[in-house]
Protein backbone atom coordinates (compact mmCIF):
# COMPACT_ATOMS: atom_id res chain seq x y z
CA MET A 1 0.00 0.00 0.00
CA ASP A 2 1.46 3.37 -0.99
CA GLU A 3 1.72 6.28 1.38
CA GLY A 4 -0.84 8.26 -0.66
CA GLU A 5 -3.58 5.62 -0.45
CA VAL A 6 -6.12 6.02 2.30
CA ILE A 7 -8.59 3.39 3.40
CA SER A 8 -11.93 5.04 2.86
CA ASN A 9 -14.34 2.34 3.98
CA PHE A 10 -13.95 3.13 7.69
CA GLN A 11 -16.89 5.39 8.36
CA THR A 12 -18.68 5.95 11.61
CA LYS A 13 -22.29 4.98 11.51
CA ASP A 14 -24.91 5.33 14.21
CA ALA A 15 -26.76 2.01 14.45
CA PHE A 16 -29.76 3.70 16.07
CA ALA A 17 -29.93 6.71 13.73
CA ASP A 18 -33.17 5.54 12.14
CA ALA A 19 -34.86 5.38 15.56
CA TYR A 20 -34.15 9.03 16.37
CA THR A 21 -35.95 11.68 14.37
CA GLY A 22 -36.50 15.38 14.69
CA SER A 23 -34.38 17.82 16.64
CA GLY A 24 -32.34 16.67 19.60
CA ASN A 25 -32.70 13.08 20.69
CA GLN A 26 -36.44 12.60 20.31
CA PHE A 27 -37.18 8.90 20.14
CA GLN A 28 -39.93 7.99 17.73
CA VAL A 29 -41.29 4.46 17.73
CA ASP A 30 -42.12 3.64 14.14
CA LYS A 31 -41.65 -0.12 14.35
CA VAL A 32 -43.62 -2.70 16.27
CA HIS A 33 -41.41 -4.69 18.63
CA ILE A 34 -42.41 -8.17 19.76
CA ARG A 35 -40.32 -9.34 22.71
CA LEU A 36 -40.25 -12.62 24.59
CA HIS A 37 -39.43 -12.49 28.31
CA GLN A 38 -38.54 -15.61 30.27
CA ARG A 39 -40.45 -15.57 33.57
CA SER A 40 -39.38 -18.91 34.98
CA ARG A 41 -37.92 -22.09 33.62
CA ARG A 42 -41.06 -23.09 31.71
CA LYS A 43 -43.10 -19.90 31.56
CA CYS A 44 -42.64 -16.86 29.35
CA SER A 45 -44.51 -13.70 28.49
CA LEU A 46 -44.76 -11.79 25.22
CA THR A 47 -44.89 -8.01 24.92
CA ILE A 48 -45.99 -6.01 21.89
CA THR A 49 -44.84 -2.39 21.82
CA GLY A 50 -44.89 0.37 19.24
CA LEU A 51 -48.45 0.06 17.98
CA ALA A 52 -50.07 3.30 16.85
CA GLU A 53 -51.80 5.31 19.54
CA ASP A 54 -55.03 5.63 17.56
CA LEU A 55 -55.59 1.84 17.63
CA ASP A 56 -57.92 0.26 20.19
CA LEU A 57 -55.37 -1.90 22.02
CA LYS A 58 -57.98 -3.49 24.27
CA ARG A 59 -59.88 -4.85 21.26
CA ILE A 60 -56.65 -6.11 19.69
CA CYS A 61 -55.67 -7.77 22.98
CA LYS A 62 -59.10 -9.39 23.26
CA ALA A 63 -58.84 -10.79 19.73
CA LEU A 64 -55.30 -12.08 20.38
CA LYS A 65 -56.40 -13.79 23.60
CA LYS A 66 -59.34 -15.42 21.88
CA ASN A 67 -57.35 -16.61 18.84
CA PHE A 68 -54.34 -17.94 20.77
CA LYS A 69 -56.29 -19.22 23.82
CA CYS A 70 -54.07 -17.46 26.34
CA ASN A 71 -54.36 -14.72 28.93
CA GLY A 72 -53.20 -11.16 28.35
CA ALA A 73 -53.62 -7.52 29.28
CA VAL A 74 -52.89 -3.97 28.18
CA VAL A 75 -50.32 -2.49 30.56
CA LYS A 76 -49.22 1.14 30.90
CA ASP A 77 -45.42 1.48 30.78
CA ASP A 78 -43.43 4.66 31.47
CA GLU A 79 -40.95 4.12 28.64
CA TYR A 80 -43.08 2.46 25.93
CA GLY A 81 -46.58 3.74 26.67
CA GLU A 82 -49.34 1.15 26.42
CA VAL A 83 -48.02 -2.38 25.93
CA ILE A 84 -49.91 -5.58 25.12
CA MET A 85 -48.73 -8.50 27.28
CA LEU A 86 -49.61 -12.11 26.48
CA GLN A 87 -48.78 -15.36 28.23
CA GLY A 88 -46.75 -17.85 26.22
CA ASP A 89 -44.59 -17.83 23.11
CA HIS A 90 -46.81 -16.64 20.25
CA ARG A 91 -44.27 -14.56 18.30
CA GLN A 92 -44.90 -15.95 14.82
CA LYS A 93 -48.67 -16.12 15.37
CA VAL A 94 -48.75 -12.47 16.46
CA VAL A 95 -46.79 -11.43 13.36
CA GLN A 96 -49.23 -13.37 11.18
CA PHE A 97 -52.25 -11.86 13.00
CA LEU A 98 -51.00 -8.26 12.74
CA THR A 99 -50.28 -8.60 9.02
CA ASP A 100 -53.49 -10.50 8.19
CA GLN A 101 -55.66 -7.92 9.95
CA GLU A 102 -53.66 -5.13 8.22
CA ILE A 103 -52.81 -3.50 11.54
CA VAL A 104 -49.14 -3.10 10.58
CA ASP A 105 -46.95 -4.03 7.60
CA LYS A 106 -44.64 -7.02 7.95
CA ASP A 107 -41.52 -4.95 7.25
CA LEU A 108 -42.28 -2.74 10.29
CA ILE A 109 -42.32 -5.68 12.74
CA VAL A 110 -39.17 -6.57 14.70
CA VAL A 111 -39.19 -9.88 16.60
CA HIS A 112 -36.85 -10.20 19.60
CA GLY A 113 -36.08 -13.10 21.93
CA TYR A 114 -34.50 -16.48 21.74
CA SER A 115 -35.46 -18.84 18.93
């Protein structure tokens, strides 16, 4: 490598730049996050965050509970706002339900948790 050549592919990139919009560090949730939380060895809970505020989350939660035959609730969280919590691992079913009912597009859903 000559002295005049410079490696130009080293650029700093903010991995969370698409999550922050507007002036300052305003966090805007534009994706729906589905997270799996391990409660005990055999039990787990599923949280759905990032749904639009104009949606009726209680009706969505009721439909999810009825379709998946599990218990759930809409919980108020300080960081995420209103969150839908379900019992059990229903990640792929929730993705299918949200896209079939046209609540959110599939490319806006992020699934977290172990596989």
